[in-house]
Amino acid sequence: MRRYAPIAKSRGTVWPTEVRAHVHTHQSKCVGPLAGMPGACDSGDELDHVRASGGIGMKSKSIATNGARLCNWHHRLKTEAGKTWRPRLIDVFHSLIRDCAQCQEEWAREWAVAA
């Protein structure tokens, strides 16, 4: 029988300061309600990856066009039902970054699509 080491507890994501600041220029508060997520915002202000990493144990890129400002409640909803909420949050990004040349460039470079 093979024995595997237990999965290490995640240390969480450390977002670069400049990325966090840039996201906050476009998202002044939780964007869950803008995506149609149910429930009122609660306490907490977390930056969360919107796009999935593509693999278990992997993290997606911590860049401005992948960060959503979410309260604890909406973060949990997105985590539990990502297939439902990720596309809607990405649609919200399109409207929030429309006038930001830096985000438009990053979006095209990282996601290979025009915003």
PDB file of N, CA and C in Angstrom:
ATOM      1  N   MET A   1       0.852  -1.170   0.000  1.00  0.00           N
ATOM      2  CA  MET A   1       0.000   0.000   0.000  1.00  0.00           C
ATOM      3  C   MET A   1       0.901   1.237   0.000  1.00  0.00           C
ATOM      4  N   ARG A   2       0.538   2.171  -0.838  1.00  0.00           N
ATOM      5  CA  ARG A   2       1.286   3.408  -0.937  1.00  0.00           C
ATOM      6  C   ARG A   2       0.814   4.403   0.109  1.00  0.00           C
ATOM      7  N   ARG A   3       1.740   5.105   0.679  1.00  0.00           N
ATOM      8  CA  ARG A   3       1.389   6.140   1.638  1.00  0.00           C
ATOM      9  C   ARG A   3       1.780   7.485   1.067  1.00  0.00           C
ATOM     10  N   TYR A   4       0.873   8.397   1.189  1.00  0.00           N
ATOM     11  CA  TYR A   4       1.116   9.738   0.685  1.00  0.00           C
ATOM     12  C   TYR A   4       1.183  10.710   1.857  1.00  0.00           C
ATOM     13  N   ALA A   5       1.995  11.699   1.693  1.00  0.00           N
ATOM     14  CA  ALA A   5       2.075  12.742   2.719  1.00  0.00           C
ATOM     15  C   ALA A   5       0.752  13.506   2.720  1.00  0.00           C
ATOM     16  N   PRO A   6       0.303  13.945   3.879  1.00  0.00           N
ATOM     17  CA  PRO A   6      -0.933  14.729   3.915  1.00  0.00           C
ATOM     18  C   PRO A   6      -0.742  16.049   3.163  1.00  0.00           C
ATOM     19  N   ILE A   7      -1.820  16.521   2.601  1.00  0.00           N
ATOM     20  CA  ILE A   7      -1.764  17.793   1.891  1.00  0.00           C
ATOM     21  C   ILE A   7      -1.529  18.903   2.899  1.00  0.00           C
ATOM     22  N   ALA A   8      -0.548  19.722   2.611  1.00  0.00           N
ATOM     23  CA  ALA A   8      -0.212  20.824   3.508  1.00  0.00           C
ATOM     24  C   ALA A   8      -1.316  21.877   3.471  1.00  0.00           C
ATOM     25  N   LYS A   9      -1.561  22.473   4.610  1.00  0.00           N
ATOM     26  CA  LYS A   9      -2.563  23.521   4.690  1.00  0.00           C
ATOM     27  C   LYS A   9      -2.089  24.721   3.871  1.00  0.00           C
ATOM     28  N   SER A  10      -3.006  25.304   3.140  1.00  0.00           N
ATOM     29  CA  SER A  10      -2.685  26.455   2.308  1.00  0.00           C
ATOM     30  C   SER A  10      -2.260  27.635   3.172  1.00  0.00           C
ATOM     31  N   ARG A  11      -1.237  28.333   2.730  1.00  0.00           N
ATOM     32  CA  ARG A  11      -0.813  29.542   3.432  1.00  0.00           C
ATOM     33  C   ARG A  11      -1.594  30.748   2.947  1.00  0.00           C
ATOM     34  N   GLY A  12      -2.502  30.500   2.011  1.00  0.00           N
ATOM     35  CA  GLY A  12      -3.276  31.596   1.451  1.00  0.00           C
ATOM     36  C   GLY A  12      -2.506  32.269   0.332  1.00  0.00           C
ATOM     37  N   THR A  13      -3.094  33.252  -0.228  1.00  0.00           N
ATOM     38  CA  THR A  13      -2.462  33.976  -1.320  1.00  0.00           C
ATOM     39  C   THR A  13      -1.971  35.314  -0.820  1.00  0.00           C
ATOM     40  N   VAL A  14      -0.750  35.623  -1.167  1.00  0.00           N
ATOM     41  CA  VAL A  14      -0.211  36.933  -0.868  1.00  0.00           C
ATOM     42  C   VAL A  14      -0.232  37.719  -2.173  1.00  0.00           C
ATOM     43  N   TRP A  15      -1.155  38.663  -2.268  1.00  0.00           N
ATOM     44  CA  TRP A  15      -1.287  39.483  -3.462  1.00  0.00           C
ATOM     45  C   TRP A  15      -0.253  40.590  -3.428  1.00  0.00           C
ATOM     46  N   PRO A  16       0.443  40.827  -4.556  1.00  0.00           N
ATOM     47  CA  PRO A  16       1.396  41.943  -4.598  1.00  0.00           C
ATOM     48  C   PRO A  16       0.683  43.257  -4.266  1.00  0.00           C
ATOM     49  N   THR A  17       1.350  44.108  -3.519  1.00  0.00           N
ATOM     50  CA  THR A  17       0.763  45.369  -3.066  1.00  0.00           C
ATOM     51  C   THR A  17       0.239  46.205  -4.224  1.00  0.00           C
ATOM     52  N   GLU A  18       1.020  46.281  -5.317  1.00  0.00           N
ATOM     53  CA  GLU A  18       0.597  47.116  -6.442  1.00  0.00           C
ATOM     54  C   GLU A  18      -0.628  46.535  -7.145  1.00  0.00           C
ATOM     55  N   VAL A  19      -0.752  45.212  -7.165  1.00  0.00           N
ATOM     56  CA  VAL A  19      -1.927  44.578  -7.772  1.00  0.00           C
ATOM     57  C   VAL A  19      -3.154  44.842  -6.905  1.00  0.00           C
ATOM     58  N   ARG A  20      -3.008  44.662  -5.603  1.00  0.00           N
ATOM     59  CA  ARG A  20      -4.113  44.933  -4.676  1.00  0.00           C
ATOM     60  C   ARG A  20      -4.595  46.381  -4.817  1.00  0.00           C
ATOM     61  N   ALA A  21      -3.653  47.319  -4.874  1.00  0.00           N
ATOM     62  CA  ALA A  21      -4.017  48.739  -5.009  1.00  0.00           C
ATOM     63  C   ALA A  21      -4.730  48.993  -6.335  1.00  0.00           C
ATOM     64  N   HIS A  22      -4.255  48.378  -7.407  1.00  0.00           N
ATOM     65  CA  HIS A  22      -4.887  48.585  -8.712  1.00  0.00           C
ATOM     66  C   HIS A  22      -6.308  48.017  -8.733  1.00  0.00           C
ATOM     67  N   VAL A  23      -6.501  46.839  -8.179  1.00  0.00           N
ATOM     68  CA  VAL A  23      -7.842  46.251  -8.126  1.00  0.00           C
ATOM     69  C   VAL A  23      -8.783  47.174  -7.350  1.00  0.00           C
ATOM     70  N   HIS A  24      -8.297  47.747  -6.261  1.00  0.00           N
ATOM     71  CA  HIS A  24      -9.131  48.626  -5.442  1.00  0.00           C
ATOM     72  C   HIS A  24      -9.510  49.912  -6.178  1.00  0.00           C
ATOM     73  N   THR A  25      -8.757  50.308  -7.209  1.00  0.00           N
ATOM     74  CA  THR A  25      -9.143  51.493  -7.978  1.00  0.00           C
ATOM     75  C   THR A  25     -10.378  51.213  -8.824  1.00  0.00           C
ATOM     76  N   HIS A  26     -10.580  49.961  -9.216  1.00  0.00           N
ATOM     77  CA  HIS A  26     -11.733  49.589 -10.045  1.00  0.00           C
ATOM     78  C   HIS A  26     -12.887  49.015  -9.231  1.00  0.00           C
ATOM     79  N   GLN A  27     -12.571  48.452  -8.078  1.00  0.00           N
ATOM     80  CA  GLN A  27     -13.579  47.794  -7.253  1.00  0.00           C
ATOM     81  C   GLN A  27     -13.549  48.434  -5.866  1.00  0.00           C
ATOM     82  N   SER A  28     -14.453  49.360  -5.626  1.00  0.00           N
ATOM     83  CA  SER A  28     -14.446  50.088  -4.353  1.00  0.00           C
ATOM     84  C   SER A  28     -15.009  49.274  -3.189  1.00  0.00           C
ATOM     85  N   LYS A  29     -15.733  48.200  -3.518  1.00  0.00           N
ATOM     86  CA  LYS A  29     -16.311  47.335  -2.481  1.00  0.00           C
ATOM     87  C   LYS A  29     -16.578  45.968  -3.103  1.00  0.00           C
ATOM     88  N   CYS A  30     -17.212  45.096  -2.376  1.00  0.00           N
ATOM     89  CA  CYS A  30     -17.539  43.753  -2.847  1.00  0.00           C
ATOM     90  C   CYS A  30     -18.293  43.822  -4.178  1.00  0.00           C
ATOM     91  N   VAL A  31     -17.825  43.040  -5.161  1.00  0.00           N
ATOM     92  CA  VAL A  31     -18.465  43.042  -6.475  1.00  0.00           C
ATOM     93  C   VAL A  31     -19.494  41.922  -6.628  1.00  0.00           C
ATOM     94  N   GLY A  32     -19.726  41.152  -5.591  1.00  0.00           N
ATOM     95  CA  GLY A  32     -20.717  40.079  -5.641  1.00  0.00           C
ATOM     96  C   GLY A  32     -22.094  40.544  -6.082  1.00  0.00           C
ATOM     97  N   PRO A  33     -22.630  41.633  -5.479  1.00  0.00           N
ATOM     98  CA  PRO A  33     -23.944  42.103  -5.906  1.00  0.00           C
ATOM     99  C   PRO A  33     -23.989  42.527  -7.378  1.00  0.00           C
ATOM    100  N   LEU A  34     -22.886  43.057  -7.906  1.00  0.00           N
ATOM    101  CA  LEU A  34     -22.844  43.450  -9.315  1.00  0.00           C
ATOM    102  C   LEU A  34     -22.961  42.239 -10.237  1.00  0.00           C
ATOM    103  N   ALA A  35     -22.532  41.081  -9.737  1.00  0.00           N
ATOM    104  CA  ALA A  35     -22.612  39.842 -10.512  1.00  0.00           C
ATOM    105  C   ALA A  35     -23.931  39.108 -10.276  1.00  0.00           C
ATOM    106  N   GLY A  36     -24.793  39.688  -9.459  1.00  0.00           N
ATOM    107  CA  GLY A  36     -26.085  39.065  -9.180  1.00  0.00           C
ATOM    108  C   GLY A  36     -26.048  38.015  -8.090  1.00  0.00           C
ATOM    109  N   MET A  37     -24.977  37.986  -7.317  1.00  0.00           N
ATOM    110  CA  MET A  37     -24.877  37.004  -6.238  1.00  0.00           C
ATOM    111  C   MET A  37     -25.884  37.348  -5.141  1.00  0.00           C
ATOM    112  N   PRO A  38     -26.598  36.350  -4.618  1.00  0.00           N
ATOM    113  CA  PRO A  38     -27.625  36.619  -3.608  1.00  0.00           C
ATOM    114  C   PRO A  38     -27.032  36.932  -2.240  1.00  0.00           C
ATOM    115  N   GLY A  39     -27.827  37.580  -1.435  1.00  0.00           N
ATOM    116  CA  GLY A  39     -27.441  37.858  -0.057  1.00  0.00           C
ATOM    117  C   GLY A  39     -26.754  39.197   0.086  1.00  0.00           C
ATOM    118  N   ALA A  40     -26.884  39.732   1.288  1.00  0.00           N
ATOM    119  CA  ALA A  40     -26.252  41.014   1.599  1.00  0.00           C
ATOM    120  C   ALA A  40     -24.782  40.799   1.921  1.00  0.00           C
ATOM    121  N   CYS A  41     -23.982  41.800   1.617  1.00  0.00           N
ATOM    122  CA  CYS A  41     -22.569  41.726   1.943  1.00  0.00           C
ATOM    123  C   CYS A  41     -22.401  41.705   3.461  1.00  0.00           C
ATOM    124  N   ASP A  42     -21.420  40.947   3.910  1.00  0.00           N
ATOM    125  CA  ASP A  42     -21.118  40.932   5.334  1.00  0.00           C
ATOM    126  C   ASP A  42     -19.731  41.513   5.537  1.00  0.00           C
ATOM    127  N   SER A  43     -19.190  41.305   6.689  1.00  0.00           N
ATOM    128  CA  SER A  43     -17.882  41.868   6.991  1.00  0.00           C
ATOM    129  C   SER A  43     -16.796  41.180   6.173  1.00  0.00           C
ATOM    130  N   GLY A  44     -15.673  41.774   6.187  1.00  0.00           N
ATOM    131  CA  GLY A  44     -14.539  41.200   5.484  1.00  0.00           C
ATOM    132  C   GLY A  44     -14.377  41.812   4.113  1.00  0.00           C
ATOM    133  N   ASP A  45     -13.168  41.823   3.674  1.00  0.00           N
ATOM    134  CA  ASP A  45     -12.830  42.364   2.372  1.00  0.00           C
ATOM    135  C   ASP A  45     -11.647  41.544   1.876  1.00  0.00           C
ATOM    136  N   GLU A  46     -11.926  40.627   0.984  1.00  0.00           N
ATOM    137  CA  GLU A  46     -10.897  39.715   0.520  1.00  0.00           C
ATOM    138  C   GLU A  46     -10.700  39.861  -0.976  1.00  0.00           C
ATOM    139  N   LEU A  47      -9.483  39.673  -1.404  1.00  0.00           N
ATOM    140  CA  LEU A  47      -9.195  39.639  -2.824  1.00  0.00           C
ATOM    141  C   LEU A  47      -9.117  38.166  -3.196  1.00  0.00           C
ATOM    142  N   ASP A  48      -9.902  37.767  -4.175  1.00  0.00           N
ATOM    143  CA  ASP A  48      -9.996  36.356  -4.537  1.00  0.00           C
ATOM    144  C   ASP A  48      -9.737  36.174  -6.027  1.00  0.00           C
ATOM    145  N   HIS A  49      -9.130  35.052  -6.370  1.00  0.00           N
ATOM    146  CA  HIS A  49      -8.922  34.710  -7.773  1.00  0.00           C
ATOM    147  C   HIS A  49     -10.263  34.343  -8.400  1.00  0.00           C
ATOM    148  N   VAL A  50     -10.547  34.907  -9.557  1.00  0.00           N
ATOM    149  CA  VAL A  50     -11.798  34.594 -10.239  1.00  0.00           C
ATOM    150  C   VAL A  50     -11.607  33.404 -11.164  1.00  0.00           C
ATOM    151  N   ARG A  51     -10.553  33.422 -11.920  1.00  0.00           N
ATOM    152  CA  ARG A  51     -10.310  32.316 -12.856  1.00  0.00           C
ATOM    153  C   ARG A  51      -9.704  31.139 -12.107  1.00  0.00           C
ATOM    154  N   ALA A  52     -10.141  29.956 -12.471  1.00  0.00           N
ATOM    155  CA  ALA A  52      -9.637  28.736 -11.843  1.00  0.00           C
ATOM    156  C   ALA A  52      -8.204  28.475 -12.295  1.00  0.00           C
ATOM    157  N   SER A  53      -7.466  27.772 -11.474  1.00  0.00           N
ATOM    158  CA  SER A  53      -6.060  27.498 -11.767  1.00  0.00           C
ATOM    159  C   SER A  53      -5.885  26.435 -12.841  1.00  0.00           C
ATOM    160  N   GLY A  54      -6.833  25.549 -12.963  1.00  0.00           N
ATOM    161  CA  GLY A  54      -6.711  24.470 -13.937  1.00  0.00           C
ATOM    162  C   GLY A  54      -6.135  23.193 -13.362  1.00  0.00           C
ATOM    163  N   GLY A  55      -5.799  23.187 -12.095  1.00  0.00           N
ATOM    164  CA  GLY A  55      -5.257  21.976 -11.497  1.00  0.00           C
ATOM    165  C   GLY A  55      -5.351  21.999  -9.988  1.00  0.00           C
ATOM    166  N   ILE A  56      -5.515  20.848  -9.398  1.00  0.00           N
ATOM    167  CA  ILE A  56      -5.619  20.751  -7.945  1.00  0.00           C
ATOM    168  C   ILE A  56      -4.282  21.149  -7.319  1.00  0.00           C
ATOM    169  N   GLY A  57      -4.357  21.995  -6.329  1.00  0.00           N
ATOM    170  CA  GLY A  57      -3.161  22.431  -5.627  1.00  0.00           C
ATOM    171  C   GLY A  57      -2.412  23.551  -6.325  1.00  0.00           C
ATOM    172  N   MET A  58      -2.893  23.963  -7.485  1.00  0.00           N
ATOM    173  CA  MET A  58      -2.241  25.044  -8.212  1.00  0.00           C
ATOM    174  C   MET A  58      -3.000  26.337  -7.972  1.00  0.00           C
ATOM    175  N   LYS A  59      -2.308  27.445  -8.053  1.00  0.00           N
ATOM    176  CA  LYS A  59      -2.954  28.748  -7.905  1.00  0.00           C
ATOM    177  C   LYS A  59      -2.954  29.439  -9.252  1.00  0.00           C
ATOM    178  N   SER A  60      -4.035  30.146  -9.546  1.00  0.00           N
ATOM    179  CA  SER A  60      -4.060  30.934 -10.772  1.00  0.00           C
ATOM    180  C   SER A  60      -3.278  32.226 -10.527  1.00  0.00           C
ATOM    181  N   LYS A  61      -3.060  32.983 -11.570  1.00  0.00           N
ATOM    182  CA  LYS A  61      -2.227  34.182 -11.494  1.00  0.00           C
ATOM    183  C   LYS A  61      -2.838  35.250 -10.602  1.00  0.00           C
ATOM    184  N   SER A  62      -1.986  35.856  -9.793  1.00  0.00           N
ATOM    185  CA  SER A  62      -2.404  36.949  -8.908  1.00  0.00           C
ATOM    186  C   SER A  62      -2.139  38.267  -9.628  1.00  0.00           C
ATOM    187  N   ILE A  63      -3.010  38.557 -10.590  1.00  0.00           N
ATOM    188  CA  ILE A  63      -2.892  39.759 -11.400  1.00  0.00           C
ATOM    189  C   ILE A  63      -4.198  40.539 -11.321  1.00  0.00           C
ATOM    190  N   ALA A  64      -4.154  41.796 -11.735  1.00  0.00           N
ATOM    191  CA  ALA A  64      -5.315  42.683 -11.577  1.00  0.00           C
ATOM    192  C   ALA A  64      -6.568  42.158 -12.259  1.00  0.00           C
ATOM    193  N   THR A  65      -6.433  41.548 -13.436  1.00  0.00           N
ATOM    194  CA  THR A  65      -7.611  41.076 -14.162  1.00  0.00           C
ATOM    195  C   THR A  65      -8.065  39.692 -13.705  1.00  0.00           C
ATOM    196  N   ASN A  66      -7.544  39.239 -12.575  1.00  0.00           N
ATOM    197  CA  ASN A  66      -7.973  37.969 -11.999  1.00  0.00           C
ATOM    198  C   ASN A  66      -8.365  38.132 -10.532  1.00  0.00           C
ATOM    199  N   GLY A  67      -8.427  39.367 -10.058  1.00  0.00           N
ATOM    200  CA  GLY A  67      -8.742  39.600  -8.652  1.00  0.00           C
ATOM    201  C   GLY A  67     -10.114  40.215  -8.472  1.00  0.00           C
ATOM    202  N   ALA A  68     -10.909  39.589  -7.635  1.00  0.00           N
ATOM    203  CA  ALA A  68     -12.234  40.124  -7.322  1.00  0.00           C
ATOM    204  C   ALA A  68     -12.262  40.501  -5.848  1.00  0.00           C
ATOM    205  N   ARG A  69     -12.745  41.678  -5.580  1.00  0.00           N
ATOM    206  CA  ARG A  69     -12.919  42.125  -4.199  1.00  0.00           C
ATOM    207  C   ARG A  69     -14.257  41.595  -3.709  1.00  0.00           C
ATOM    208  N   LEU A  70     -14.220  40.683  -2.745  1.00  0.00           N
ATOM    209  CA  LEU A  70     -15.429  40.031  -2.250  1.00  0.00           C
ATOM    210  C   LEU A  70     -15.476  40.060  -0.728  1.00  0.00           C
ATOM    211  N   CYS A  71     -16.678  40.179  -0.186  1.00  0.00           N
ATOM    212  CA  CYS A  71     -16.866  40.030   1.256  1.00  0.00           C
ATOM    213  C   CYS A  71     -16.791  38.530   1.577  1.00  0.00           C
ATOM    214  N   ASN A  72     -16.754  38.196   2.838  1.00  0.00           N
ATOM    215  CA  ASN A  72     -16.659  36.786   3.234  1.00  0.00           C
ATOM    216  C   ASN A  72     -17.796  35.941   2.654  1.00  0.00           C
ATOM    217  N   TRP A  73     -19.009  36.478   2.687  1.00  0.00           N
ATOM    218  CA  TRP A  73     -20.183  35.740   2.222  1.00  0.00           C
ATOM    219  C   TRP A  73     -20.081  35.423   0.726  1.00  0.00           C
ATOM    220  N   HIS A  74     -19.812  36.443  -0.078  1.00  0.00           N
ATOM    221  CA  HIS A  74     -19.757  36.232  -1.528  1.00  0.00           C
ATOM    222  C   HIS A  74     -18.518  35.433  -1.948  1.00  0.00           C
ATOM    223  N   HIS A  75     -17.439  35.541  -1.176  1.00  0.00           N
ATOM    224  CA  HIS A  75     -16.261  34.713  -1.437  1.00  0.00           C
ATOM    225  C   HIS A  75     -16.617  33.233  -1.276  1.00  0.00           C
ATOM    226  N   ARG A  76     -17.339  32.933  -0.215  1.00  0.00           N
ATOM    227  CA  ARG A  76     -17.744  31.544   0.027  1.00  0.00           C
ATOM    228  C   ARG A  76     -18.674  31.041  -1.077  1.00  0.00           C
ATOM    229  N   LEU A  77     -19.625  31.868  -1.499  1.00  0.00           N
ATOM    230  CA  LEU A  77     -20.528  31.474  -2.587  1.00  0.00           C
ATOM    231  C   LEU A  77     -19.747  31.167  -3.857  1.00  0.00           C
ATOM    232  N   LYS A  78     -18.793  32.038  -4.186  1.00  0.00           N
ATOM    233  CA  LYS A  78     -17.988  31.832  -5.394  1.00  0.00           C
ATOM    234  C   LYS A  78     -17.178  30.544  -5.276  1.00  0.00           C
ATOM    235  N   THR A  79     -16.629  30.276  -4.112  1.00  0.00           N
ATOM    236  CA  THR A  79     -15.823  29.076  -3.906  1.00  0.00           C
ATOM    237  C   THR A  79     -16.678  27.814  -4.035  1.00  0.00           C
ATOM    238  N   GLU A  80     -17.878  27.841  -3.481  1.00  0.00           N
ATOM    239  CA  GLU A  80     -18.738  26.658  -3.494  1.00  0.00           C
ATOM    240  C   GLU A  80     -19.433  26.423  -4.830  1.00  0.00           C
ATOM    241  N   ALA A  81     -19.649  27.479  -5.602  1.00  0.00           N
ATOM    242  CA  ALA A  81     -20.341  27.337  -6.885  1.00  0.00           C
ATOM    243  C   ALA A  81     -19.618  28.136  -7.971  1.00  0.00           C
ATOM    244  N   GLY A  82     -18.342  27.847  -8.126  1.00  0.00           N
ATOM    245  CA  GLY A  82     -17.505  28.581  -9.065  1.00  0.00           C
ATOM    246  C   GLY A  82     -17.985  28.520 -10.501  1.00  0.00           C
ATOM    247  N   LYS A  83     -18.529  27.376 -10.909  1.00  0.00           N
ATOM    248  CA  LYS A  83     -18.989  27.259 -12.298  1.00  0.00           C
ATOM    249  C   LYS A  83     -20.130  28.215 -12.597  1.00  0.00           C
ATOM    250  N   THR A  84     -20.873  28.570 -11.576  1.00  0.00           N
ATOM    251  CA  THR A  84     -21.972  29.526 -11.747  1.00  0.00           C
ATOM    252  C   THR A  84     -21.465  30.957 -11.683  1.00  0.00           C
ATOM    253  N   TRP A  85     -20.639  31.264 -10.668  1.00  0.00           N
ATOM    254  CA  TRP A  85     -20.297  32.653 -10.387  1.00  0.00           C
ATOM    255  C   TRP A  85     -19.075  33.175 -11.115  1.00  0.00           C
ATOM    256  N   ARG A  86     -18.126  32.328 -11.465  1.00  0.00           N
ATOM    257  CA  ARG A  86     -16.930  32.821 -12.168  1.00  0.00           C
ATOM    258  C   ARG A  86     -17.285  33.543 -13.470  1.00  0.00           C
ATOM    259  N   PRO A  87     -18.089  32.951 -14.354  1.00  0.00           N
ATOM    260  CA  PRO A  87     -18.409  33.661 -15.599  1.00  0.00           C
ATOM    261  C   PRO A  87     -19.104  35.004 -15.362  1.00  0.00           C
ATOM    262  N   ARG A  88     -19.945  35.063 -14.354  1.00  0.00           N
ATOM    263  CA  ARG A  88     -20.648  36.316 -14.071  1.00  0.00           C
ATOM    264  C   ARG A  88     -19.691  37.369 -13.524  1.00  0.00           C
ATOM    265  N   LEU A  89     -18.745  36.950 -12.687  1.00  0.00           N
ATOM    266  CA  LEU A  89     -17.756  37.889 -12.169  1.00  0.00           C
ATOM    267  C   LEU A  89     -16.837  38.378 -13.289  1.00  0.00           C
ATOM    268  N   ILE A  90     -16.496  37.508 -14.218  1.00  0.00           N
ATOM    269  CA  ILE A  90     -15.667  37.909 -15.358  1.00  0.00           C
ATOM    270  C   ILE A  90     -16.416  38.935 -16.198  1.00  0.00           C
ATOM    271  N   ASP A  91     -17.719  38.760 -16.375  1.00  0.00           N
ATOM    272  CA  ASP A  91     -18.516  39.755 -17.099  1.00  0.00           C
ATOM    273  C   ASP A  91     -18.481  41.113 -16.386  1.00  0.00           C
ATOM    274  N   VAL A  92     -18.510  41.083 -15.062  1.00  0.00           N
ATOM    275  CA  VAL A  92     -18.429  42.328 -14.290  1.00  0.00           C
ATOM    276  C   VAL A  92     -17.088  43.010 -14.564  1.00  0.00           C
ATOM    277  N   PHE A  93     -16.014  42.227 -14.646  1.00  0.00           N
ATOM    278  CA  PHE A  93     -14.698  42.796 -14.947  1.00  0.00           C
ATOM    279  C   PHE A  93     -14.719  43.580 -16.246  1.00  0.00           C
ATOM    280  N   HIS A  94     -15.377  43.039 -17.258  1.00  0.00           N
ATOM    281  CA  HIS A  94     -15.430  43.716 -18.551  1.00  0.00           C
ATOM    282  C   HIS A  94     -15.938  45.146 -18.395  1.00  0.00           C
ATOM    283  N   SER A  95     -16.951  45.337 -17.590  1.00  0.00           N
ATOM    284  CA  SER A  95     -17.496  46.683 -17.431  1.00  0.00           C
ATOM    285  C   SER A  95     -16.620  47.554 -16.527  1.00  0.00           C
ATOM    286  N   LEU A  96     -15.980  46.964 -15.521  1.00  0.00           N
ATOM    287  CA  LEU A  96     -15.183  47.752 -14.580  1.00  0.00           C
ATOM    288  C   LEU A  96     -13.846  48.205 -15.147  1.00  0.00           C
ATOM    289  N   ILE A  97     -13.279  47.449 -16.068  1.00  0.00           N
ATOM    290  CA  ILE A  97     -11.948  47.777 -16.592  1.00  0.00           C
ATOM    291  C   ILE A  97     -12.005  48.386 -17.987  1.00  0.00           C
ATOM    292  N   ARG A  98     -13.169  48.666 -18.483  1.00  0.00           N
ATOM    293  CA  ARG A  98     -13.360  49.153 -19.849  1.00  0.00           C
ATOM    294  C   ARG A  98     -12.463  50.340 -20.188  1.00  0.00           C
ATOM    295  N   ASP A  99     -12.279  51.265 -19.257  1.00  0.00           N
ATOM    296  CA  ASP A  99     -11.530  52.486 -19.536  1.00  0.00           C
ATOM    297  C   ASP A  99     -10.085  52.458 -19.025  1.00  0.00           C
ATOM    298  N   CYS A 100      -9.599  51.321 -18.610  1.00  0.00           N
ATOM    299  CA  CYS A 100      -8.238  51.223 -18.069  1.00  0.00           C
ATOM    300  C   CYS A 100      -7.323  50.551 -19.103  1.00  0.00           C
ATOM    301  N   ALA A 101      -6.424  51.338 -19.671  1.00  0.00           N
ATOM    302  CA  ALA A 101      -5.517  50.811 -20.702  1.00  0.00           C
ATOM    303  C   ALA A 101      -4.624  49.700 -20.149  1.00  0.00           C
ATOM    304  N   GLN A 102      -4.168  49.845 -18.919  1.00  0.00           N
ATOM    305  CA  GLN A 102      -3.298  48.832 -18.310  1.00  0.00           C
ATOM    306  C   GLN A 102      -4.037  47.502 -18.188  1.00  0.00           C
ATOM    307  N   CYS A 103      -5.276  47.548 -17.744  1.00  0.00           N
ATOM    308  CA  CYS A 103      -6.071  46.320 -17.610  1.00  0.00           C
ATOM    309  C   CYS A 103      -6.398  45.723 -18.981  1.00  0.00           C
ATOM    310  N   GLN A 104      -6.701  46.568 -19.946  1.00  0.00           N
ATOM    311  CA  GLN A 104      -7.006  46.082 -21.293  1.00  0.00           C
ATOM    312  C   GLN A 104      -5.802  45.324 -21.864  1.00  0.00           C
ATOM    313  N   GLU A 105      -4.616  45.888 -21.671  1.00  0.00           N
ATOM    314  CA  GLU A 105      -3.392  45.243 -22.153  1.00  0.00           C
ATOM    315  C   GLU A 105      -3.149  43.916 -21.439  1.00  0.00           C
ATOM    316  N   GLU A 106      -3.311  43.929 -20.111  1.00  0.00           N
ATOM    317  CA  GLU A 106      -3.113  42.704 -19.330  1.00  0.00           C
ATOM    318  C   GLU A 106      -4.124  41.636 -19.733  1.00  0.00           C
ATOM    319  N   TRP A 107      -5.374  42.049 -19.913  1.00  0.00           N
ATOM    320  CA  TRP A 107      -6.432  41.110 -20.286  1.00  0.00           C
ATOM    321  C   TRP A 107      -6.093  40.423 -21.607  1.00  0.00           C
ATOM    322  N   ALA A 108      -5.700  41.214 -22.602  1.00  0.00           N
ATOM    323  CA  ALA A 108      -5.376  40.667 -23.914  1.00  0.00           C
ATOM    324  C   ALA A 108      -4.139  39.755 -23.841  1.00  0.00           C
ATOM    325  N   ARG A 109      -3.137  40.149 -23.074  1.00  0.00           N
ATOM    326  CA  ARG A 109      -1.904  39.374 -22.951  1.00  0.00           C
ATOM    327  C   ARG A 109      -2.142  38.054 -22.190  1.00  0.00           C
ATOM    328  N   GLU A 110      -2.815  38.139 -21.061  1.00  0.00           N
ATOM    329  CA  GLU A 110      -2.963  36.965 -20.184  1.00  0.00           C
ATOM    330  C   GLU A 110      -4.078  36.029 -20.592  1.00  0.00           C
ATOM    331  N   TRP A 111      -5.158  36.580 -21.103  1.00  0.00           N
ATOM    332  CA  TRP A 111      -6.325  35.745 -21.393  1.00  0.00           C
ATOM    333  C   TRP A 111      -6.587  35.591 -22.888  1.00  0.00           C
ATOM    334  N   ALA A 112      -5.760  36.242 -23.698  1.00  0.00           N
ATOM    335  CA  ALA A 112      -5.812  36.134 -25.170  1.00  0.00           C
ATOM    336  C   ALA A 112      -7.187  36.433 -25.766  1.00  0.00           C
ATOM    337  N   VAL A 113      -7.867  37.380 -25.160  1.00  0.00           N
ATOM    338  CA  VAL A 113      -9.152  37.835 -25.692  1.00  0.00           C
ATOM    339  C   VAL A 113      -9.252  39.344 -25.466  1.00  0.00           C
ATOM    340  N   ALA A 114      -9.998  40.001 -26.305  1.00  0.00           N
ATOM    341  CA  ALA A 114     -10.233  41.437 -26.104  1.00  0.00           C
ATOM    342  C   ALA A 114     -11.337  41.627 -25.084  1.00  0.00           C
ATOM    343  N   ALA A 115     -11.146  42.587 -24.213  1.00  0.00           N
ATOM    344  CA  ALA A 115     -12.157  42.867 -23.179  1.00  0.00           C
ATOM    345  C   ALA A 115     -13.255  43.729 -23.726  1.00  0.00           C
TER     346      ALA A 115
END
